[in-house]
Amino acid sequence: MTLAYDVDTHAAPSRVSELMERLGLRMTFAKDEELYAQDDDADLIYMVTSGAVRTTRLLSDGRRQVSAFYYAGDLVGLETGPAHRFSAEALCDCTVLVVKRSSLKAFAGDGELDRAIWEATRRELERTQDHLLVLGRKTACEKVASFLMERAQSDRSTKVSLPMGRQDMADYLGLTIETVSRMLTQLQSASVVEFDGSRHFRVKRWDALAQMVE
């Protein structure tokens, strides 16, 4: 499992962010550029400071599964084992802070840091469980509605950005790109959401969207 630790001010103490800023090397990645590959040694930890990142895994039949999307403030690349089980790529031009895993481990026992990581681990496990529920039990429309709701709640702005394309959404939700496009059109036609181009939307009827998610 790849763990993404949200370290923004509303979710966790600033200790993790402080250490990443102090110890990290700032790097930039172009759209679709790889941060690390599946099965690479998990020696480095990345904190997104701008842009967005996706993690993916190639299945044995060649299909791609997108496992998660990460935004500014998220840590990417903390693994439970010695190697990366997923690849990580830039969704768009992005900047990250890169720190050696051993450097962060040197602060083990730091109470504030330990609490932040424990809480973030709990949230990540909850998010993984929610994703499994979406993949396994929801209809196509419910899957897309759940995705838009999660994005709208995390973005916290009137106009919500979608740095990922339709194919990324499809590979995350276990749908075809045609089905994703059809469901988005259906939600807009029902005045549940309104799109401004393909990468921005706003929620017009929160109650209707929430009902679809439930």
C-alpha atoms as a PDB file:
ATOM      1  CA  MET A   1       0.000   0.000   0.000  1.00  0.00           C
ATOM      2  CA  THR A   2       1.217   3.476  -0.857  1.00  0.00           C
ATOM      3  CA  LEU A   3       0.530   5.926   1.940  1.00  0.00           C
ATOM      4  CA  ALA A   4      -0.291   9.556   1.256  1.00  0.00           C
ATOM      5  CA  TYR A   5      -0.070  11.727   4.316  1.00  0.00           C
ATOM      6  CA  ASP A   6      -2.043  14.965   4.226  1.00  0.00           C
ATOM      7  CA  VAL A   7       0.048  17.564   6.028  1.00  0.00           C
ATOM      8  CA  ASP A   8      -1.901  20.759   5.431  1.00  0.00           C
ATOM      9  CA  THR A   9      -2.722  23.014   8.367  1.00  0.00           C
ATOM     10  CA  HIS A  10      -6.283  21.761   8.893  1.00  0.00           C
ATOM     11  CA  ALA A  11      -5.350  18.062   8.938  1.00  0.00           C
ATOM     12  CA  ALA A  12      -2.078  17.595  10.778  1.00  0.00           C
ATOM     13  CA  PRO A  13       0.527  19.488  12.791  1.00  0.00           C
ATOM     14  CA  SER A  14       3.106  21.401  10.788  1.00  0.00           C
ATOM     15  CA  ARG A  15       5.981  19.247  12.055  1.00  0.00           C
ATOM     16  CA  VAL A  16       6.009  16.988   8.971  1.00  0.00           C
ATOM     17  CA  SER A  17       5.910  19.962   6.632  1.00  0.00           C
ATOM     18  CA  GLU A  18       8.624  21.700   8.658  1.00  0.00           C
ATOM     19  CA  LEU A  19      10.954  18.698   8.388  1.00  0.00           C
ATOM     20  CA  MET A  20      10.306  18.275   4.672  1.00  0.00           C
ATOM     21  CA  GLU A  21      11.114  21.942   4.087  1.00  0.00           C
ATOM     22  CA  ARG A  22      14.299  21.679   6.145  1.00  0.00           C
ATOM     23  CA  LEU A  23      15.595  18.369   4.790  1.00  0.00           C
ATOM     24  CA  GLY A  24      14.092  18.223   1.322  1.00  0.00           C
ATOM     25  CA  LEU A  25      15.465  18.930  -2.141  1.00  0.00           C
ATOM     26  CA  ARG A  26      12.994  20.848  -4.303  1.00  0.00           C
ATOM     27  CA  MET A  27      12.417  19.236  -7.699  1.00  0.00           C
ATOM     28  CA  THR A  28      10.093  19.946 -10.625  1.00  0.00           C
ATOM     29  CA  PHE A  29       8.428  17.377 -12.870  1.00  0.00           C
ATOM     30  CA  ALA A  30       6.706  17.955 -16.201  1.00  0.00           C
ATOM     31  CA  LYS A  31       3.265  16.551 -17.028  1.00  0.00           C
ATOM     32  CA  ASP A  32       3.383  12.724 -17.211  1.00  0.00           C
ATOM     33  CA  GLU A  33       6.999  12.625 -15.988  1.00  0.00           C
ATOM     34  CA  GLU A  34       7.705   9.763 -13.593  1.00  0.00           C
ATOM     35  CA  LEU A  35       8.683  10.435  -9.976  1.00  0.00           C
ATOM     36  CA  TYR A  36       9.389   6.763  -9.385  1.00  0.00           C
ATOM     37  CA  ALA A  37       8.539   3.445 -11.016  1.00  0.00           C
ATOM     38  CA  GLN A  38       6.703   0.391  -9.788  1.00  0.00           C
ATOM     39  CA  ASP A  39       9.178  -1.923  -7.979  1.00  0.00           C
ATOM     40  CA  ASP A  40      11.796   0.837  -7.497  1.00  0.00           C
ATOM     41  CA  ASP A  41      13.437   0.953  -4.071  1.00  0.00           C
ATOM     42  CA  ALA A  42      11.372   3.121  -1.728  1.00  0.00           C
ATOM     43  CA  ASP A  43      14.345   5.161  -0.529  1.00  0.00           C
ATOM     44  CA  LEU A  44      12.813   8.605  -1.078  1.00  0.00           C
ATOM     45  CA  ILE A  45       9.717  10.400   0.192  1.00  0.00           C
ATOM     46  CA  TYR A  46       8.026  13.158  -1.799  1.00  0.00           C
ATOM     47  CA  MET A  47       5.855  16.039  -0.622  1.00  0.00           C
ATOM     48  CA  VAL A  48       3.806  17.773  -3.303  1.00  0.00           C
ATOM     49  CA  THR A  49       4.088  21.555  -3.009  1.00  0.00           C
ATOM     50  CA  SER A  50       2.313  22.503  -6.246  1.00  0.00           C
ATOM     51  CA  GLY A  51       0.470  20.644  -8.968  1.00  0.00           C
ATOM     52  CA  ALA A  52      -0.756  17.070  -8.592  1.00  0.00           C
ATOM     53  CA  VAL A  53       0.515  13.484  -8.776  1.00  0.00           C
ATOM     54  CA  ARG A  54      -1.151  10.154  -9.559  1.00  0.00           C
ATOM     55  CA  THR A  55      -0.065   6.670  -8.515  1.00  0.00           C
ATOM     56  CA  THR A  56      -0.686   3.811 -10.932  1.00  0.00           C
ATOM     57  CA  ARG A  57      -0.117   0.090 -11.286  1.00  0.00           C
ATOM     58  CA  LEU A  58       0.005  -1.992 -14.462  1.00  0.00           C
ATOM     59  CA  LEU A  59      -2.018  -5.177 -14.216  1.00  0.00           C
ATOM     60  CA  SER A  60      -0.863  -8.472 -15.708  1.00  0.00           C
ATOM     61  CA  ASP A  61      -3.149  -8.033 -18.730  1.00  0.00           C
ATOM     62  CA  GLY A  62      -1.704  -4.602 -19.522  1.00  0.00           C
ATOM     63  CA  ARG A  63      -4.530  -2.532 -18.091  1.00  0.00           C
ATOM     64  CA  ARG A  64      -3.700   0.412 -15.848  1.00  0.00           C
ATOM     65  CA  GLN A  65      -5.217   1.035 -12.424  1.00  0.00           C
ATOM     66  CA  VAL A  66      -4.943   4.523 -10.941  1.00  0.00           C
ATOM     67  CA  SER A  67      -4.821   4.050  -7.179  1.00  0.00           C
ATOM     68  CA  ALA A  68      -4.871   7.645  -5.916  1.00  0.00           C
ATOM     69  CA  PHE A  69      -4.373  11.334  -6.661  1.00  0.00           C
ATOM     70  CA  TYR A  70      -2.217  13.602  -4.499  1.00  0.00           C
ATOM     71  CA  TYR A  71      -2.202  17.376  -4.185  1.00  0.00           C
ATOM     72  CA  ALA A  72      -0.212  20.134  -2.486  1.00  0.00           C
ATOM     73  CA  GLY A  73       0.576  19.093   1.086  1.00  0.00           C
ATOM     74  CA  ASP A  74       0.413  15.339   0.453  1.00  0.00           C
ATOM     75  CA  LEU A  75       3.319  12.990   1.088  1.00  0.00           C
ATOM     76  CA  VAL A  76       3.810  10.348  -1.589  1.00  0.00           C
ATOM     77  CA  GLY A  77       6.059   7.312  -1.516  1.00  0.00           C
ATOM     78  CA  LEU A  78       5.880   6.150   2.095  1.00  0.00           C
ATOM     79  CA  GLU A  79       5.604   2.384   1.767  1.00  0.00           C
ATOM     80  CA  THR A  80       5.025  -0.460   4.193  1.00  0.00           C
ATOM     81  CA  GLY A  81       7.772  -2.435   2.413  1.00  0.00           C
ATOM     82  CA  PRO A  82      11.186  -1.746   0.835  1.00  0.00           C
ATOM     83  CA  ALA A  83       9.910  -1.212  -2.731  1.00  0.00           C
ATOM     84  CA  HIS A  84       7.239   0.880  -4.438  1.00  0.00           C
ATOM     85  CA  ARG A  85       4.152  -1.157  -5.315  1.00  0.00           C
ATOM     86  CA  PHE A  86       2.905   1.618  -7.604  1.00  0.00           C
ATOM     87  CA  SER A  87       4.420   4.118 -10.018  1.00  0.00           C
ATOM     88  CA  ALA A  88       4.012   7.853  -9.404  1.00  0.00           C
ATOM     89  CA  GLU A  89       3.677  10.381 -12.220  1.00  0.00           C
ATOM     90  CA  ALA A  90       3.004  14.099 -12.480  1.00  0.00           C
ATOM     91  CA  LEU A  91      -0.587  14.821 -13.501  1.00  0.00           C
ATOM     92  CA  CYS A  92       0.523  18.277 -14.582  1.00  0.00           C
ATOM     93  CA  ASP A  93       3.651  20.356 -14.104  1.00  0.00           C
ATOM     94  CA  CYS A  94       4.364  19.969 -10.405  1.00  0.00           C
ATOM     95  CA  THR A  95       6.933  20.732  -7.730  1.00  0.00           C
ATOM     96  CA  VAL A  96       7.856  18.368  -4.901  1.00  0.00           C
ATOM     97  CA  LEU A  97      10.205  18.260  -1.941  1.00  0.00           C
ATOM     98  CA  VAL A  98      12.260  15.053  -1.911  1.00  0.00           C
ATOM     99  CA  VAL A  99      13.714  13.613   1.304  1.00  0.00           C
ATOM    100  CA  LYS A 100      15.595  10.392   1.991  1.00  0.00           C
ATOM    101  CA  ARG A 101      13.454   7.950   3.923  1.00  0.00           C
ATOM    102  CA  SER A 102      16.320   7.415   6.378  1.00  0.00           C
ATOM    103  CA  SER A 103      16.463  11.149   7.116  1.00  0.00           C
ATOM    104  CA  LEU A 104      12.842  11.215   8.263  1.00  0.00           C
ATOM    105  CA  LYS A 105      13.276   7.987  10.230  1.00  0.00           C
ATOM    106  CA  ALA A 106      16.005   9.712  12.230  1.00  0.00           C
ATOM    107  CA  PHE A 107      13.218  11.726  13.885  1.00  0.00           C
ATOM    108  CA  ALA A 108      11.326   8.626  15.076  1.00  0.00           C
ATOM    109  CA  GLY A 109      10.187   9.271  18.627  1.00  0.00           C
ATOM    110  CA  ASP A 110       9.312  12.903  17.929  1.00  0.00           C
ATOM    111  CA  GLY A 111       5.902  12.972  19.601  1.00  0.00           C
ATOM    112  CA  GLU A 112       4.274  15.509  17.308  1.00  0.00           C
ATOM    113  CA  LEU A 113       5.630  13.820  14.192  1.00  0.00           C
ATOM    114  CA  ASP A 114       4.556  10.361  15.381  1.00  0.00           C
ATOM    115  CA  ARG A 115       1.028  11.568  16.132  1.00  0.00           C
ATOM    116  CA  ALA A 116       0.742  13.267  12.751  1.00  0.00           C
ATOM    117  CA  ILE A 117       1.825  10.137  10.886  1.00  0.00           C
ATOM    118  CA  TRP A 118      -0.471   7.904  12.949  1.00  0.00           C
ATOM    119  CA  GLU A 119      -3.470  10.126  12.247  1.00  0.00           C
ATOM    120  CA  ALA A 120      -2.580  10.392   8.562  1.00  0.00           C
ATOM    121  CA  THR A 121      -2.246   6.605   8.331  1.00  0.00           C
ATOM    122  CA  ARG A 122      -5.732   6.210   9.786  1.00  0.00           C
ATOM    123  CA  ARG A 123      -7.176   8.667   7.267  1.00  0.00           C
ATOM    124  CA  GLU A 124      -5.390   6.947   4.385  1.00  0.00           C
ATOM    125  CA  LEU A 125      -6.790   3.562   5.374  1.00  0.00           C
ATOM    126  CA  GLU A 126     -10.277   5.076   5.485  1.00  0.00           C
ATOM    127  CA  ARG A 127      -9.760   6.543   2.021  1.00  0.00           C
ATOM    128  CA  THR A 128      -8.589   3.171   0.701  1.00  0.00           C
ATOM    129  CA  GLN A 129     -11.691   1.489   2.134  1.00  0.00           C
ATOM    130  CA  ASP A 130     -13.914   4.140   0.536  1.00  0.00           C
ATOM    131  CA  HIS A 131     -12.190   3.581  -2.823  1.00  0.00           C
ATOM    132  CA  LEU A 132     -12.766  -0.178  -2.585  1.00  0.00           C
ATOM    133  CA  LEU A 133     -16.449   0.468  -1.861  1.00  0.00           C
ATOM    134  CA  VAL A 134     -16.713   2.733  -4.898  1.00  0.00           C
ATOM    135  CA  LEU A 135     -15.025   0.164  -7.131  1.00  0.00           C
ATOM    136  CA  GLY A 136     -17.012  -2.803  -5.895  1.00  0.00           C
ATOM    137  CA  ARG A 137     -20.521  -1.713  -4.988  1.00  0.00           C
ATOM    138  CA  LYS A 138     -21.537   1.504  -6.727  1.00  0.00           C
ATOM    139  CA  THR A 139     -23.119   2.114 -10.116  1.00  0.00           C
ATOM    140  CA  ALA A 140     -21.275   4.088 -12.789  1.00  0.00           C
ATOM    141  CA  CYS A 141     -23.198   7.270 -11.962  1.00  0.00           C
ATOM    142  CA  GLU A 142     -22.598   6.807  -8.232  1.00  0.00           C
ATOM    143  CA  LYS A 143     -18.873   6.270  -8.851  1.00  0.00           C
ATOM    144  CA  VAL A 144     -18.535   9.505 -10.821  1.00  0.00           C
ATOM    145  CA  ALA A 145     -20.686  11.421  -8.323  1.00  0.00           C
ATOM    146  CA  SER A 146     -18.538  10.129  -5.448  1.00  0.00           C
ATOM    147  CA  PHE A 147     -15.390  11.219  -7.248  1.00  0.00           C
ATOM    148  CA  LEU A 148     -16.720  14.736  -7.857  1.00  0.00           C
ATOM    149  CA  MET A 149     -17.938  15.020  -4.262  1.00  0.00           C
ATOM    150  CA  GLU A 150     -14.560  13.993  -2.857  1.00  0.00           C
ATOM    151  CA  ARG A 151     -12.765  16.439  -5.130  1.00  0.00           C
ATOM    152  CA  ALA A 152     -15.152  19.290  -4.308  1.00  0.00           C
ATOM    153  CA  GLN A 153     -14.804  18.720  -0.563  1.00  0.00           C
ATOM    154  CA  SER A 154     -11.001  18.653  -0.706  1.00  0.00           C
ATOM    155  CA  ASP A 155     -10.638  21.626  -3.069  1.00  0.00           C
ATOM    156  CA  ARG A 156     -12.811  23.945  -0.929  1.00  0.00           C
ATOM    157  CA  SER A 157     -13.297  26.524  -3.672  1.00  0.00           C
ATOM    158  CA  THR A 158     -16.331  27.635  -5.639  1.00  0.00           C
ATOM    159  CA  LYS A 159     -14.772  26.481  -8.911  1.00  0.00           C
ATOM    160  CA  VAL A 160     -13.204  23.051  -8.406  1.00  0.00           C
ATOM    161  CA  SER A 161     -10.184  22.061 -10.494  1.00  0.00           C
ATOM    162  CA  LEU A 162      -9.733  18.646 -12.098  1.00  0.00           C
ATOM    163  CA  PRO A 163      -6.034  18.254 -12.918  1.00  0.00           C
ATOM    164  CA  MET A 164      -6.678  14.725 -14.147  1.00  0.00           C
ATOM    165  CA  GLY A 165      -8.090  13.843 -17.558  1.00  0.00           C
ATOM    166  CA  ARG A 166     -11.079  11.630 -18.297  1.00  0.00           C
ATOM    167  CA  GLN A 167      -8.852   8.575 -18.838  1.00  0.00           C
ATOM    168  CA  ASP A 168      -7.290   9.045 -15.403  1.00  0.00           C
ATOM    169  CA  MET A 169     -10.755   9.245 -13.877  1.00  0.00           C
ATOM    170  CA  ALA A 170     -11.826   6.120 -15.741  1.00  0.00           C
ATOM    171  CA  ASP A 171      -8.781   4.149 -14.617  1.00  0.00           C
ATOM    172  CA  TYR A 172      -9.362   5.272 -11.024  1.00  0.00           C
ATOM    173  CA  LEU A 173     -13.050   4.360 -11.019  1.00  0.00           C
ATOM    174  CA  GLY A 174     -12.783   1.114 -12.994  1.00  0.00           C
ATOM    175  CA  LEU A 175     -14.878   2.471 -15.877  1.00  0.00           C
ATOM    176  CA  THR A 176     -14.337   3.177 -19.569  1.00  0.00           C
ATOM    177  CA  ILE A 177     -13.606   6.724 -20.669  1.00  0.00           C
ATOM    178  CA  GLU A 178     -16.863   6.709 -22.645  1.00  0.00           C
ATOM    179  CA  THR A 179     -18.853   5.839 -19.528  1.00  0.00           C
ATOM    180  CA  VAL A 180     -17.159   8.574 -17.497  1.00  0.00           C
ATOM    181  CA  SER A 181     -17.913  11.165 -20.187  1.00  0.00           C
ATOM    182  CA  ARG A 182     -21.529  10.005 -20.407  1.00  0.00           C
ATOM    183  CA  MET A 183     -22.020  10.196 -16.630  1.00  0.00           C
ATOM    184  CA  LEU A 184     -20.493  13.684 -16.452  1.00  0.00           C
ATOM    185  CA  THR A 185     -22.834  14.838 -19.217  1.00  0.00           C
ATOM    186  CA  GLN A 186     -25.762  13.277 -17.368  1.00  0.00           C
ATOM    187  CA  LEU A 187     -24.873  15.065 -14.123  1.00  0.00           C
ATOM    188  CA  GLN A 188     -24.540  18.386 -15.915  1.00  0.00           C
ATOM    189  CA  SER A 189     -27.823  17.896 -17.792  1.00  0.00           C
ATOM    190  CA  ALA A 190     -29.524  17.286 -14.449  1.00  0.00           C
ATOM    191  CA  SER A 191     -28.042  20.585 -13.159  1.00  0.00           C
ATOM    192  CA  VAL A 192     -26.197  18.757 -10.384  1.00  0.00           C
ATOM    193  CA  VAL A 193     -22.843  20.142 -11.529  1.00  0.00           C
ATOM    194  CA  GLU A 194     -21.759  22.703 -14.095  1.00  0.00           C
ATOM    195  CA  PHE A 195     -18.519  22.400 -16.062  1.00  0.00           C
ATOM    196  CA  ASP A 196     -16.346  25.260 -17.264  1.00  0.00           C
ATOM    197  CA  GLY A 197     -14.330  23.452 -19.924  1.00  0.00           C
ATOM    198  CA  SER A 198     -13.153  19.943 -19.070  1.00  0.00           C
ATOM    199  CA  ARG A 199     -10.951  20.760 -16.067  1.00  0.00           C
ATOM    200  CA  HIS A 200     -13.158  22.914 -13.815  1.00  0.00           C
ATOM    201  CA  PHE A 201     -16.627  22.468 -12.354  1.00  0.00           C
ATOM    202  CA  ARG A 202     -18.862  23.748  -9.605  1.00  0.00           C
ATOM    203  CA  VAL A 203     -21.514  21.924  -7.632  1.00  0.00           C
ATOM    204  CA  LYS A 204     -24.955  23.432  -8.230  1.00  0.00           C
ATOM    205  CA  ARG A 205     -27.024  21.008  -6.141  1.00  0.00           C
ATOM    206  CA  TRP A 206     -25.108  19.646  -3.168  1.00  0.00           C
ATOM    207  CA  ASP A 207     -28.142  17.763  -1.858  1.00  0.00           C
ATOM    208  CA  ALA A 208     -28.629  15.897  -5.126  1.00  0.00           C
ATOM    209  CA  LEU A 209     -24.932  15.049  -5.376  1.00  0.00           C
ATOM    210  CA  ALA A 210     -24.841  13.845  -1.762  1.00  0.00           C
ATOM    211  CA  GLN A 211     -27.897  11.660  -2.341  1.00  0.00           C
ATOM    212  CA  MET A 212     -26.158   9.958  -5.276  1.00  0.00           C
ATOM    213  CA  VAL A 213     -23.055   9.324  -3.179  1.00  0.00           C
ATOM    214  CA  GLU A 214     -25.042   7.728  -0.353  1.00  0.00           C
END
